[in-house]
Amino acid sequence: MLVLITYDVNTETTAGKTRLRKVAKQCQNYGQRVQNSVFECNVDAAKCRQIKAILEDIIDQEKDSLRFYYLGDRYKNKVEHIGIKPGFDVTEPLLL
């Protein structure tokens, strides 16, 4: 299923900047960055629970926030892209 993960981490302190880097790094392990704090992740339910638990352990819930949007398997008609950085199919192999 396609899950959109967004986050907002308070970076007014050094600890906040560290949390931001950790959150971004974990999201990169599971998906593709599509905007600064937005990742598209094609994961099953178990992986989704795993990344959610990891991210919850990183953030400070008094200062930061996470949002998960569950778009499911038929997401292609729910996502529209306009502008730079053309969209891509998250189910296709990613070549580096």
C-alpha atoms as a PDB file:
ATOM      1  CA  MET A   1       0.000   0.000   0.000  1.00  0.00           C
ATOM      2  CA  LEU A   2       1.107   3.551  -0.583  1.00  0.00           C
ATOM      3  CA  VAL A   3       1.580   5.548   2.613  1.00  0.00           C
ATOM      4  CA  LEU A   4       2.383   9.242   2.606  1.00  0.00           C
ATOM      5  CA  ILE A   5       4.450  10.226   5.644  1.00  0.00           C
ATOM      6  CA  THR A   6       4.766  13.888   6.539  1.00  0.00           C
ATOM      7  CA  TYR A   7       6.496  15.422   9.504  1.00  0.00           C
ATOM      8  CA  ASP A   8       7.163  18.730  11.181  1.00  0.00           C
ATOM      9  CA  VAL A   9      10.079  18.754  13.616  1.00  0.00           C
ATOM     10  CA  ASN A  10      10.862  21.788  15.742  1.00  0.00           C
ATOM     11  CA  THR A  11      14.447  22.780  14.889  1.00  0.00           C
ATOM     12  CA  GLU A  12      14.908  25.681  17.300  1.00  0.00           C
ATOM     13  CA  THR A  13      17.367  23.600  19.341  1.00  0.00           C
ATOM     14  CA  THR A  14      20.303  21.355  18.517  1.00  0.00           C
ATOM     15  CA  ALA A  15      18.278  18.378  19.753  1.00  0.00           C
ATOM     16  CA  GLY A  16      15.495  19.301  17.326  1.00  0.00           C
ATOM     17  CA  LYS A  17      17.905  19.481  14.399  1.00  0.00           C
ATOM     18  CA  THR A  18      19.209  16.039  15.360  1.00  0.00           C
ATOM     19  CA  ARG A  19      15.650  14.654  15.521  1.00  0.00           C
ATOM     20  CA  LEU A  20      14.923  16.126  12.085  1.00  0.00           C
ATOM     21  CA  ARG A  21      17.938  14.378  10.534  1.00  0.00           C
ATOM     22  CA  LYS A  22      16.997  11.076  12.204  1.00  0.00           C
ATOM     23  CA  VAL A  23      13.386  11.254  11.015  1.00  0.00           C
ATOM     24  CA  ALA A  24      14.456  12.060   7.449  1.00  0.00           C
ATOM     25  CA  LYS A  25      17.017   9.248   7.418  1.00  0.00           C
ATOM     26  CA  GLN A  26      14.478   6.689   8.629  1.00  0.00           C
ATOM     27  CA  CYS A  27      11.920   7.829   6.066  1.00  0.00           C
ATOM     28  CA  GLN A  28      14.552   7.473   3.315  1.00  0.00           C
ATOM     29  CA  ASN A  29      15.013   3.841   4.408  1.00  0.00           C
ATOM     30  CA  TYR A  30      11.368   3.111   3.607  1.00  0.00           C
ATOM     31  CA  GLY A  31      10.385   5.434   0.792  1.00  0.00           C
ATOM     32  CA  GLN A  32      11.110   8.220  -1.639  1.00  0.00           C
ATOM     33  CA  ARG A  33      11.258  11.904  -0.680  1.00  0.00           C
ATOM     34  CA  VAL A  34       8.781  13.861  -2.804  1.00  0.00           C
ATOM     35  CA  GLN A  35       9.023  17.170  -0.933  1.00  0.00           C
ATOM     36  CA  ASN A  36      11.145  18.453   1.961  1.00  0.00           C
ATOM     37  CA  SER A  37       9.202  16.728   4.737  1.00  0.00           C
ATOM     38  CA  VAL A  38       7.061  14.380   2.653  1.00  0.00           C
ATOM     39  CA  PHE A  39       7.821  10.776   1.733  1.00  0.00           C
ATOM     40  CA  GLU A  40       5.913   8.267  -0.383  1.00  0.00           C
ATOM     41  CA  CYS A  41       6.394   4.752   0.969  1.00  0.00           C
ATOM     42  CA  ASN A  42       5.192   1.597  -0.739  1.00  0.00           C
ATOM     43  CA  VAL A  43       5.023  -0.764   2.254  1.00  0.00           C
ATOM     44  CA  ASP A  44       2.933  -3.565   3.657  1.00  0.00           C
ATOM     45  CA  ALA A  45       1.073  -3.237   6.970  1.00  0.00           C
ATOM     46  CA  ALA A  46       3.938  -4.745   9.011  1.00  0.00           C
ATOM     47  CA  LYS A  47       6.541  -2.348   7.558  1.00  0.00           C
ATOM     48  CA  CYS A  48       4.160   0.541   8.102  1.00  0.00           C
ATOM     49  CA  ARG A  49       3.798  -0.334  11.793  1.00  0.00           C
ATOM     50  CA  GLN A  50       7.574  -0.688  12.009  1.00  0.00           C
ATOM     51  CA  ILE A  51       8.371   2.748  10.568  1.00  0.00           C
ATOM     52  CA  LYS A  52       5.613   4.329  12.641  1.00  0.00           C
ATOM     53  CA  ALA A  53       7.101   2.880  15.860  1.00  0.00           C
ATOM     54  CA  ILE A  54      10.618   3.988  14.878  1.00  0.00           C
ATOM     55  CA  LEU A  55       9.489   7.529  14.114  1.00  0.00           C
ATOM     56  CA  GLU A  56       7.398   7.774  17.294  1.00  0.00           C
ATOM     57  CA  ASP A  57      10.514   6.890  19.297  1.00  0.00           C
ATOM     58  CA  ILE A  58      12.513   9.656  17.589  1.00  0.00           C
ATOM     59  CA  ILE A  59      10.170  12.626  17.780  1.00  0.00           C
ATOM     60  CA  ASP A  60       9.299  14.746  20.795  1.00  0.00           C
ATOM     61  CA  GLN A  61       5.500  14.596  20.828  1.00  0.00           C
ATOM     62  CA  GLU A  62       5.392  17.877  22.771  1.00  0.00           C
ATOM     63  CA  LYS A  63       7.168  19.743  19.937  1.00  0.00           C
ATOM     64  CA  ASP A  64       6.999  17.668  16.729  1.00  0.00           C
ATOM     65  CA  SER A  65       4.320  15.981  14.654  1.00  0.00           C
ATOM     66  CA  LEU A  66       3.918  13.079  12.238  1.00  0.00           C
ATOM     67  CA  ARG A  67       1.093  12.448   9.782  1.00  0.00           C
ATOM     68  CA  PHE A  68       0.423   9.186   7.942  1.00  0.00           C
ATOM     69  CA  TYR A  69      -1.894   9.140   4.918  1.00  0.00           C
ATOM     70  CA  TYR A  70      -2.926   5.624   3.908  1.00  0.00           C
ATOM     71  CA  LEU A  71      -3.642   5.711   0.169  1.00  0.00           C
ATOM     72  CA  GLY A  72      -3.872   1.939  -0.315  1.00  0.00           C
ATOM     73  CA  ASP A  73      -3.013  -0.122  -3.359  1.00  0.00           C
ATOM     74  CA  ARG A  74      -5.150   1.818  -5.851  1.00  0.00           C
ATOM     75  CA  TYR A  75      -3.409   5.118  -5.222  1.00  0.00           C
ATOM     76  CA  LYS A  76      -2.647   6.050  -8.846  1.00  0.00           C
ATOM     77  CA  ASN A  77      -5.992   7.787  -9.358  1.00  0.00           C
ATOM     78  CA  LYS A  78      -5.605   9.590  -5.989  1.00  0.00           C
ATOM     79  CA  VAL A  79      -2.253  11.260  -6.703  1.00  0.00           C
ATOM     80  CA  GLU A  80      -1.929  14.143  -9.122  1.00  0.00           C
ATOM     81  CA  HIS A  81       1.377  15.926  -9.729  1.00  0.00           C
ATOM     82  CA  ILE A  82       1.801  19.389 -11.216  1.00  0.00           C
ATOM     83  CA  GLY A  83       5.091  21.224 -11.654  1.00  0.00           C
ATOM     84  CA  ILE A  84       8.754  20.334 -11.384  1.00  0.00           C
ATOM     85  CA  LYS A  85      10.157  16.991 -10.299  1.00  0.00           C
ATOM     86  CA  PRO A  86       7.945  14.699 -12.366  1.00  0.00           C
ATOM     87  CA  GLY A  87       6.135  11.946 -10.539  1.00  0.00           C
ATOM     88  CA  PHE A  88       7.329   8.365 -10.601  1.00  0.00           C
ATOM     89  CA  ASP A  89       5.889   4.926  -9.992  1.00  0.00           C
ATOM     90  CA  VAL A  90       6.926   3.878  -6.484  1.00  0.00           C
ATOM     91  CA  THR A  91       6.425   0.221  -7.419  1.00  0.00           C
ATOM     92  CA  GLU A  92       9.101   0.336 -10.132  1.00  0.00           C
ATOM     93  CA  PRO A  93      12.740  -0.460  -9.293  1.00  0.00           C
ATOM     94  CA  LEU A  94      14.753   2.598  -8.348  1.00  0.00           C
ATOM     95  CA  LEU A  95      18.075   2.861 -10.193  1.00  0.00           C
ATOM     96  CA  LEU A  96      20.820   4.879  -8.570  1.00  0.00           C
END
